[in-house]
Protein backbone atom coordinates (compact mmCIF):
# COMPACT_ATOMS: atom_id res chain seq x y z
CA MET A 1 110.11 114.78 188.26
CA THR A 2 106.65 114.84 189.73
CA SER A 3 103.86 112.34 188.67
CA PHE A 4 101.84 115.20 187.27
CA ILE A 5 104.66 116.28 184.96
CA LYS A 6 105.32 112.71 183.91
CA ASN A 7 101.67 112.21 183.09
CA ALA A 8 101.57 115.45 181.20
CA ILE A 9 104.50 114.34 179.08
CA PHE A 10 103.01 110.97 178.36
CA ILE A 11 99.66 112.43 177.29
CA THR A 12 101.47 114.94 175.01
CA SER A 13 103.34 112.06 173.52
CA LEU A 14 100.17 110.30 172.81
CA LEU A 15 98.67 113.36 171.04
CA ALA A 16 101.79 113.75 169.04
CA THR A 17 101.65 110.00 167.90
CA SER A 18 97.91 110.57 166.99
CA THR A 19 98.97 113.36 164.70
CA ALA A 20 101.75 111.48 163.14
CA PHE A 21 99.36 108.64 162.28
CA ALA A 22 96.84 111.03 160.66
CA ALA A 23 98.36 110.39 157.25
CA ASP A 24 98.43 106.54 157.63
CA PRO A 25 96.02 104.46 155.41
CA HIS A 26 92.34 104.09 156.12
CA TRP A 27 91.57 100.54 157.23
CA THR A 28 88.55 98.39 157.69
CA TYR A 29 88.02 94.94 159.26
CA ASP A 30 87.68 93.47 155.76
CA GLU A 31 91.30 94.12 154.64
CA GLU A 32 94.80 92.67 155.21
CA TRP A 33 96.23 95.51 157.31
CA ASP A 34 99.88 94.81 156.71
CA ASN A 35 99.43 95.37 152.95
CA LEU A 36 97.88 98.87 153.31
CA SER A 37 99.94 101.87 152.09
CA ASN A 38 99.32 105.43 151.11
CA ALA A 39 102.22 105.48 148.81
CA THR A 40 101.43 105.42 145.16
CA ALA A 41 104.26 103.04 144.45
CA PRO A 42 105.42 101.69 147.73
CA THR A 43 109.02 100.54 147.76
CA LYS A 44 110.33 100.58 151.35
CA ALA A 45 109.27 99.30 154.62
CA THR A 46 108.11 102.62 155.97
CA ASP A 47 105.49 102.72 153.16
CA PHE A 48 103.62 99.97 155.16
CA PRO A 49 102.89 101.54 158.51
CA TYR A 50 100.87 98.48 159.59
CA ALA A 51 103.41 95.80 158.66
CA GLU A 52 103.48 94.64 162.25
CA CYS A 53 99.93 93.40 161.92
CA GLY A 54 101.17 90.71 159.60
CA LEU A 55 104.83 90.19 160.65
CA GLY A 56 104.43 90.44 164.43
CA GLN A 57 104.75 87.24 166.42
CA LYS A 58 102.90 88.40 169.51
CA GLN A 59 99.62 89.65 168.04
CA SER A 60 96.29 89.89 169.66
CA PRO A 61 93.57 88.84 170.22
CA ILE A 62 94.10 85.03 170.81
CA ASP A 63 92.11 82.11 171.92
CA LEU A 64 92.58 81.82 175.73
CA GLY A 65 91.50 78.24 175.96
CA ALA A 66 94.90 76.68 176.46
CA ALA A 67 95.81 78.96 179.42
CA LYS A 68 97.97 77.34 182.12
CA ALA A 69 96.50 77.65 185.61
CA VAL A 70 98.69 79.49 188.19
CA THR A 71 98.08 80.48 191.80
CA SER A 72 100.61 83.21 192.31
CA THR A 73 100.72 86.36 190.08
CA ASN A 74 100.23 90.10 190.77
CA ALA A 75 96.65 90.99 191.56
CA LEU A 76 94.68 93.50 189.58
CA LYS A 77 93.60 96.46 191.52
CA PRO A 78 91.51 99.08 189.49
CA THR A 79 90.69 102.18 191.26
CA TYR A 80 88.44 104.14 188.92
CA LYS A 81 86.65 107.38 189.74
CA SER A 82 83.32 108.83 188.74
CA GLU A 83 84.17 111.78 186.40
CA ALA A 84 83.24 113.75 183.20
CA LEU A 85 84.22 111.64 180.18
CA THR A 86 84.01 112.25 176.47
CA VAL A 87 82.31 109.69 174.12
CA VAL A 88 83.40 109.57 170.50
CA ASN A 89 82.71 107.42 167.35
CA ASN A 90 86.13 107.05 165.84
CA GLY A 91 84.93 105.16 162.77
CA HIS A 92 85.89 101.75 164.25
CA SER A 93 84.15 101.69 167.60
CA ILE A 94 82.48 103.68 170.36
CA LYS A 95 85.30 104.92 172.52
CA VAL A 96 85.16 106.75 175.92
CA ASN A 97 88.10 109.15 176.44
CA VAL A 98 89.29 109.80 180.00
CA PRO A 99 90.59 113.23 180.82
CA ALA A 100 94.35 113.73 181.29
CA THR A 101 93.69 114.87 184.84
CA THR A 102 91.95 111.66 185.84
CA LYS A 103 92.81 109.76 189.07
CA SER A 104 91.53 106.51 187.62
CA VAL A 105 94.33 103.94 187.83
CA LEU A 106 95.11 100.23 187.62
CA SER A 107 97.71 98.91 190.05
CA ILE A 108 99.45 95.63 189.13
CA GLY A 109 102.12 94.77 191.69
CA SER A 110 104.29 97.84 192.35
CA GLU A 111 103.29 99.47 188.89
CA GLN A 112 100.50 101.95 188.43
CA TYR A 113 98.89 102.57 185.03
CA THR A 114 96.54 105.47 184.22
CA LEU A 115 93.22 104.77 182.51
CA LEU A 116 93.28 106.40 179.13
CA GLN A 117 90.32 105.17 177.36
CA TYR A 118 87.82 102.31 176.86
CA HIS A 119 85.93 101.05 173.84
CA VAL A 120 83.61 98.26 172.71
CA HIS A 121 83.92 95.47 170.20
CA ALA A 122 81.09 93.25 169.02
CA PRO A 123 81.50 90.27 168.92
CA SER A 124 84.30 89.64 171.28
CA GLU A 125 87.88 89.60 170.07
CA HIS A 126 89.31 87.17 172.54
CA VAL A 127 87.68 83.74 172.57
CA VAL A 128 87.89 81.05 175.14
CA GLY A 129 88.24 77.52 173.79
CA GLY A 130 86.53 78.57 170.61
CA LYS A 131 83.73 80.36 172.36
CA ILE A 132 82.93 83.87 171.03
CA TYR A 133 81.18 86.23 173.34
CA ALA A 134 78.63 88.83 172.26
CA ALA A 135 80.94 91.79 172.91
CA GLU A 136 84.18 92.77 174.72
CA ILE A 137 85.07 95.98 176.36
CA HIS A 138 88.76 97.04 176.35
CA PHE A 139 90.07 99.35 179.15
CA VAL A 140 93.37 100.82 177.92
CA HIS A 141 95.90 101.96 180.50
CA GLY A 142 99.37 103.49 180.23
CA THR A 143 102.50 104.64 182.26
CA PRO A 144 104.51 107.73 181.68
CA ASP A 145 107.35 105.63 180.20
CA GLY A 146 104.95 104.18 177.54
CA LYS A 147 103.95 100.84 178.88
CA LEU A 148 100.51 99.62 178.03
CA ALA A 149 98.10 97.38 179.95
CA VAL A 150 94.71 96.44 178.64
CA VAL A 151 91.93 94.85 180.64
CA GLY A 152 89.44 93.02 178.60
CA VAL A 153 85.96 92.47 179.83
CA LEU A 154 83.99 89.72 178.01
CA VAL A 155 80.27 90.41 177.49
CA ASP A 156 77.34 87.98 177.36
CA ALA A 157 73.90 88.75 176.22
CA PRO A 158 71.56 85.98 177.29
CA ALA A 159 67.76 86.22 177.08
CA THR A 160 67.56 86.19 180.90
CA ALA A 161 69.83 89.17 181.35
CA LYS A 162 68.69 92.44 183.07
CA ALA A 163 69.43 95.68 181.53
CA ASN A 164 72.93 96.85 182.28
CA VAL A 165 72.48 100.42 183.62
CA GLU A 166 76.11 101.52 182.99
CA PHE A 167 76.24 100.16 179.46
CA GLN A 168 72.83 101.84 178.75
CA ASN A 169 74.09 105.16 179.91
CA LEU A 170 76.95 104.73 177.14
CA LEU A 171 74.43 103.66 174.58
CA ASN A 172 72.22 106.77 175.40
CA VAL A 173 74.87 109.19 174.29
CA ALA A 174 76.89 107.10 171.77
CA PRO A 175 77.24 109.23 168.61
CA LYS A 176 76.27 108.07 165.29
CA ASN A 177 78.82 110.08 163.45
CA THR A 178 82.49 111.02 163.86
CA THR A 179 82.02 114.61 164.65
CA ASP A 180 79.97 114.68 167.72
CA ALA A 181 81.64 114.12 171.18
CA PRO A 182 79.04 114.13 173.90
CA ALA A 183 79.89 114.26 177.54
CA LEU A 184 79.24 111.31 180.00
CA THR A 185 79.58 111.35 183.67
CA ALA A 186 80.35 107.75 184.78
CA ASN A 187 82.51 105.44 186.86
CA PRO A 188 84.01 102.87 184.62
CA ALA A 189 84.37 100.45 187.52
CA LYS A 190 80.59 99.79 187.15
CA LEU A 191 81.37 97.99 183.86
CA LEU A 192 83.85 95.61 185.65
CA PRO A 193 83.12 92.17 187.02
CA SER A 194 85.18 90.61 189.68
CA THR A 195 88.93 91.04 188.82
CA SER A 196 90.13 88.15 191.02
CA LYS A 197 90.35 85.65 188.13
CA PHE A 198 91.89 86.67 184.69
CA TYR A 199 93.88 85.41 181.78
CA LEU A 200 97.33 86.98 181.34
CA TYR A 201 99.61 87.21 178.26
CA SER A 202 101.79 89.38 176.23
CA GLY A 203 100.24 90.65 172.88
CA SER A 204 99.56 93.71 170.90
CA LEU A 205 96.89 96.42 170.03
CA THR A 206 94.14 94.74 168.11
CA THR A 207 93.87 97.51 165.67
CA PRO A 208 96.48 99.12 163.36
CA PRO A 209 99.38 99.65 163.86
CA CYS A 210 99.03 96.42 165.93
CA THR A 211 101.92 97.56 168.26
CA GLU A 212 103.35 94.68 170.32
CA GLY A 213 104.43 94.85 173.92
CA VAL A 214 101.02 95.15 175.42
CA ASN A 215 100.17 93.40 178.62
CA TRP A 216 96.77 91.81 178.42
CA TYR A 217 94.56 90.86 181.30
CA VAL A 218 91.24 89.26 180.16
CA LEU A 219 88.86 88.86 183.04
CA GLN A 220 87.37 85.39 183.46
CA LYS A 221 84.02 86.43 184.60
CA PRO A 222 81.88 88.16 181.97
CA ILE A 223 79.39 90.94 182.43
CA GLN A 224 75.84 90.83 181.08
CA ILE A 225 73.74 92.97 178.84
CA THR A 226 70.34 92.33 177.33
CA PRO A 227 69.90 91.18 173.62
CA ALA A 228 68.14 94.52 173.08
CA GLN A 229 71.26 96.39 174.32
CA LEU A 230 73.55 94.37 172.13
CA THR A 231 71.25 95.03 169.05
CA THR A 232 71.38 98.82 169.81
CA PHE A 233 75.17 98.69 169.91
CA GLU A 234 75.30 96.69 166.70
CA THR A 235 73.27 99.31 164.80
CA LEU A 236 76.39 101.44 165.32
CA TYR A 237 79.06 98.75 165.01
CA SER A 238 78.86 95.06 164.28
CA GLY A 239 81.80 92.82 163.31
CA ASN A 240 84.43 95.29 164.60
CA ALA A 241 86.57 92.49 165.96
CA ARG A 242 89.80 91.07 164.73
CA ALA A 243 90.11 87.24 164.43
CA ALA A 244 92.14 85.27 166.98
CA GLN A 245 95.87 85.24 166.08
CA ALA A 246 98.49 82.54 166.43
CA LEU A 247 100.08 81.97 169.76
CA ASN A 248 103.50 81.44 168.22
CA GLY A 249 104.76 79.73 171.36
CA ARG A 250 103.46 82.22 173.84
CA GLN A 251 102.47 81.25 177.27
CA VAL A 252 98.97 82.11 178.48
CA LEU A 253 98.32 82.10 182.23
CA ALA A 254 95.06 81.80 184.09
CA LYS A 255 94.85 82.97 187.71
């Protein structure tokens, strides 16, 4: 089976999953997600589609401060391309969708993940020794067989920062409603700092349904935006960040 067909099947699977989730309960950051149900009188496990958010033992985000330093692990090699993207407001964040035909990939050892989308949280979801950053960008990647790898980019907004041109380009078209979907031609690589040092652990999606089995790579070096750029984003979304979850014995590595 060619790579093209595999990718097509994977994207189709994602679209089907999105359709299936359409009837799942609406959620906000002020609720206990595992208790949400659309059933009038919920009686069975399937009435609680976000149960893993509360029952899962490998949830994200986490505090990365206790990471164990290692010198040998697979390097991250993102190869992103400049292309036409679509920007949406999904009711929880500003998300940039990458076309199914993309050649933007992330190589980790012998595995190659296709970039699917990226989105912004403010403040950061991951914390480092209790430190919360101004924002965090998640680059979500997948393989044809359903594996997920997310690269987290921490964002600082010091008074001395210069305007981040790539982040500003996103802000310029970010829709204020959930119906518009403006185009943006961009190279996502321009939002990445150095990828040579990162935190690595096994976790989950940070939003419902909080599916586990996600490989997380949070880059140690943050990027910078200006306080004004942060304020502009916060007029759209502020507080769209899940609190740090328990490690439950997981090992966190730092390269």
